[in-house]
Amino acid sequence: MKILESKYPYQEVLSTGIKTRTFFESVDENELVWHRDQKNRCVKVIESNNWKLQMDNELPINLEKNKVYYIRAMQYHRIIKGNGNLILEIKEEEQ
């Protein structure tokens, strides 16, 4: 297990190819910006309380505990802050 230092608005732990990201309740909403990732990802929600995911040209959807979301490479998206912490497990697809 490796804790990665980050300039991003989350803490990340890498273990056996799975990234566990924690967005803390104290994160500034202005840090949660639209972005694209280089690889396809499967994102499993471990903990969420009214946090949302918004894909480009779509309305935000609630991030539901234990649900898996698929985000294609280079697809614009963002996280919208809820209450408490948001914890995600992210597995990137090899390309």
C-alpha atoms as a PDB file:
ATOM      1  CA  MET A   1       0.000   0.000   0.000  1.00  0.00           C
ATOM      2  CA  LYS A   2       1.316   3.410  -0.974  1.00  0.00           C
ATOM      3  CA  ILE A   3      -0.092   6.789   0.072  1.00  0.00           C
ATOM      4  CA  LEU A   4       0.422   9.229  -2.757  1.00  0.00           C
ATOM      5  CA  GLU A   5       1.100  12.882  -2.038  1.00  0.00           C
ATOM      6  CA  SER A   6      -1.038  14.996  -4.260  1.00  0.00           C
ATOM      7  CA  LYS A   7      -1.693  18.510  -5.415  1.00  0.00           C
ATOM      8  CA  TYR A   8      -5.269  17.351  -5.978  1.00  0.00           C
ATOM      9  CA  PRO A   9      -8.270  17.867  -3.653  1.00  0.00           C
ATOM     10  CA  TYR A  10      -8.149  14.297  -2.318  1.00  0.00           C
ATOM     11  CA  GLN A  11      -5.939  11.835  -0.496  1.00  0.00           C
ATOM     12  CA  GLU A  12      -5.101   8.729  -2.505  1.00  0.00           C
ATOM     13  CA  VAL A  13      -3.881   5.286  -1.466  1.00  0.00           C
ATOM     14  CA  LEU A  14      -2.672   2.833  -4.123  1.00  0.00           C
ATOM     15  CA  SER A  15      -2.902  -0.888  -3.360  1.00  0.00           C
ATOM     16  CA  THR A  16      -2.757  -3.772  -5.866  1.00  0.00           C
ATOM     17  CA  GLY A  17      -3.797  -1.616  -8.804  1.00  0.00           C
ATOM     18  CA  ILE A  18      -6.768   0.004  -7.080  1.00  0.00           C
ATOM     19  CA  LYS A  19      -6.732   3.663  -6.088  1.00  0.00           C
ATOM     20  CA  THR A  20      -8.739   4.583  -3.010  1.00  0.00           C
ATOM     21  CA  ARG A  21      -9.507   8.291  -3.027  1.00  0.00           C
ATOM     22  CA  THR A  22     -10.934  10.233  -0.137  1.00  0.00           C
ATOM     23  CA  PHE A  23     -12.434  13.659  -0.707  1.00  0.00           C
ATOM     24  CA  PHE A  24     -12.785  15.189   2.751  1.00  0.00           C
ATOM     25  CA  GLU A  25     -15.786  17.223   3.827  1.00  0.00           C
ATOM     26  CA  SER A  26     -13.435  20.189   4.261  1.00  0.00           C
ATOM     27  CA  VAL A  27     -12.497  20.315   0.536  1.00  0.00           C
ATOM     28  CA  ASP A  28     -13.137  23.682  -1.115  1.00  0.00           C
ATOM     29  CA  GLU A  29     -15.847  23.291  -3.792  1.00  0.00           C
ATOM     30  CA  ASN A  30     -13.735  25.443  -6.133  1.00  0.00           C
ATOM     31  CA  GLU A  31     -11.113  22.661  -6.229  1.00  0.00           C
ATOM     32  CA  LEU A  32     -13.619  20.191  -7.726  1.00  0.00           C
ATOM     33  CA  VAL A  33     -13.170  21.226 -11.350  1.00  0.00           C
ATOM     34  CA  TRP A  34     -14.174  19.789 -14.711  1.00  0.00           C
ATOM     35  CA  HIS A  35     -11.445  17.441 -15.932  1.00  0.00           C
ATOM     36  CA  ARG A  36     -10.636  14.480 -18.176  1.00  0.00           C
ATOM     37  CA  ASP A  37      -8.674  11.348 -17.342  1.00  0.00           C
ATOM     38  CA  GLN A  38      -6.259   9.574 -19.659  1.00  0.00           C
ATOM     39  CA  LYS A  39      -7.699   6.068 -19.129  1.00  0.00           C
ATOM     40  CA  ASN A  40     -11.121   4.435 -18.882  1.00  0.00           C
ATOM     41  CA  ARG A  41     -12.114   3.938 -15.255  1.00  0.00           C
ATOM     42  CA  CYS A  42     -14.495   1.933 -13.129  1.00  0.00           C
ATOM     43  CA  VAL A  43     -15.320   3.905 -10.006  1.00  0.00           C
ATOM     44  CA  LYS A  44     -16.950   2.184  -7.021  1.00  0.00           C
ATOM     45  CA  VAL A  45     -18.503   4.361  -4.320  1.00  0.00           C
ATOM     46  CA  ILE A  46     -17.503   3.256  -0.825  1.00  0.00           C
ATOM     47  CA  GLU A  47     -18.942   6.219   1.086  1.00  0.00           C
ATOM     48  CA  SER A  48     -21.080   9.137  -0.097  1.00  0.00           C
ATOM     49  CA  ASN A  49     -23.682  11.457   1.362  1.00  0.00           C
ATOM     50  CA  ASN A  50     -25.267  13.608  -1.355  1.00  0.00           C
ATOM     51  CA  TRP A  51     -22.074  13.839  -3.425  1.00  0.00           C
ATOM     52  CA  LYS A  52     -22.784  13.921  -7.168  1.00  0.00           C
ATOM     53  CA  LEU A  53     -21.097  13.053 -10.451  1.00  0.00           C
ATOM     54  CA  GLN A  54     -21.716  15.236 -13.479  1.00  0.00           C
ATOM     55  CA  MET A  55     -20.689  14.144 -16.953  1.00  0.00           C
ATOM     56  CA  ASP A  56     -20.300  16.618 -19.827  1.00  0.00           C
ATOM     57  CA  ASN A  57     -23.685  17.769 -21.187  1.00  0.00           C
ATOM     58  CA  GLU A  58     -25.593  15.791 -18.539  1.00  0.00           C
ATOM     59  CA  LEU A  59     -27.357  16.609 -15.290  1.00  0.00           C
ATOM     60  CA  PRO A  60     -25.600  15.633 -12.032  1.00  0.00           C
ATOM     61  CA  ILE A  61     -26.456  12.230 -10.560  1.00  0.00           C
ATOM     62  CA  ASN A  62     -26.155  11.085  -6.943  1.00  0.00           C
ATOM     63  CA  LEU A  63     -23.164   8.894  -6.184  1.00  0.00           C
ATOM     64  CA  GLU A  64     -24.741   5.861  -4.515  1.00  0.00           C
ATOM     65  CA  LYS A  65     -22.873   3.670  -2.029  1.00  0.00           C
ATOM     66  CA  ASN A  66     -21.665   0.348  -3.533  1.00  0.00           C
ATOM     67  CA  LYS A  67     -22.604   1.400  -7.072  1.00  0.00           C
ATOM     68  CA  VAL A  68     -20.012   1.293  -9.877  1.00  0.00           C
ATOM     69  CA  TYR A  69     -19.749   4.100 -12.446  1.00  0.00           C
ATOM     70  CA  TYR A  70     -17.881   3.856 -15.734  1.00  0.00           C
ATOM     71  CA  ILE A  71     -16.018   6.922 -17.006  1.00  0.00           C
ATOM     72  CA  ARG A  72     -14.536   6.797 -20.493  1.00  0.00           C
ATOM     73  CA  ALA A  73     -11.070   8.161 -21.190  1.00  0.00           C
ATOM     74  CA  MET A  74     -11.039  11.846 -22.135  1.00  0.00           C
ATOM     75  CA  GLN A  75     -14.692  12.368 -21.112  1.00  0.00           C
ATOM     76  CA  TYR A  76     -15.184  15.629 -19.214  1.00  0.00           C
ATOM     77  CA  HIS A  77     -16.682  15.167 -15.751  1.00  0.00           C
ATOM     78  CA  ARG A  78     -16.642  16.595 -12.244  1.00  0.00           C
ATOM     79  CA  ILE A  79     -17.575  15.779  -8.667  1.00  0.00           C
ATOM     80  CA  ILE A  80     -20.061  18.004  -6.832  1.00  0.00           C
ATOM     81  CA  LYS A  81     -19.579  18.281  -3.098  1.00  0.00           C
ATOM     82  CA  GLY A  82     -22.060  16.732  -0.698  1.00  0.00           C
ATOM     83  CA  ASN A  83     -21.913  16.170   3.056  1.00  0.00           C
ATOM     84  CA  GLY A  84     -19.254  14.237   4.950  1.00  0.00           C
ATOM     85  CA  ASN A  85     -16.440  12.470   3.126  1.00  0.00           C
ATOM     86  CA  LEU A  86     -16.559  10.842  -0.301  1.00  0.00           C
ATOM     87  CA  ILE A  87     -14.557   7.626  -0.663  1.00  0.00           C
ATOM     88  CA  LEU A  88     -14.063   6.000  -4.073  1.00  0.00           C
ATOM     89  CA  GLU A  89     -12.231   2.934  -5.353  1.00  0.00           C
ATOM     90  CA  ILE A  90     -10.885   3.500  -8.856  1.00  0.00           C
ATOM     91  CA  LYS A  91      -9.643   0.849 -11.231  1.00  0.00           C
ATOM     92  CA  GLU A  92      -8.145   2.046 -14.506  1.00  0.00           C
ATOM     93  CA  GLU A  93      -8.346  -0.071 -17.644  1.00  0.00           C
ATOM     94  CA  GLU A  94      -5.139  -0.858 -19.468  1.00  0.00           C
ATOM     95  CA  GLN A  95      -5.059   0.611 -22.945  1.00  0.00           C
END
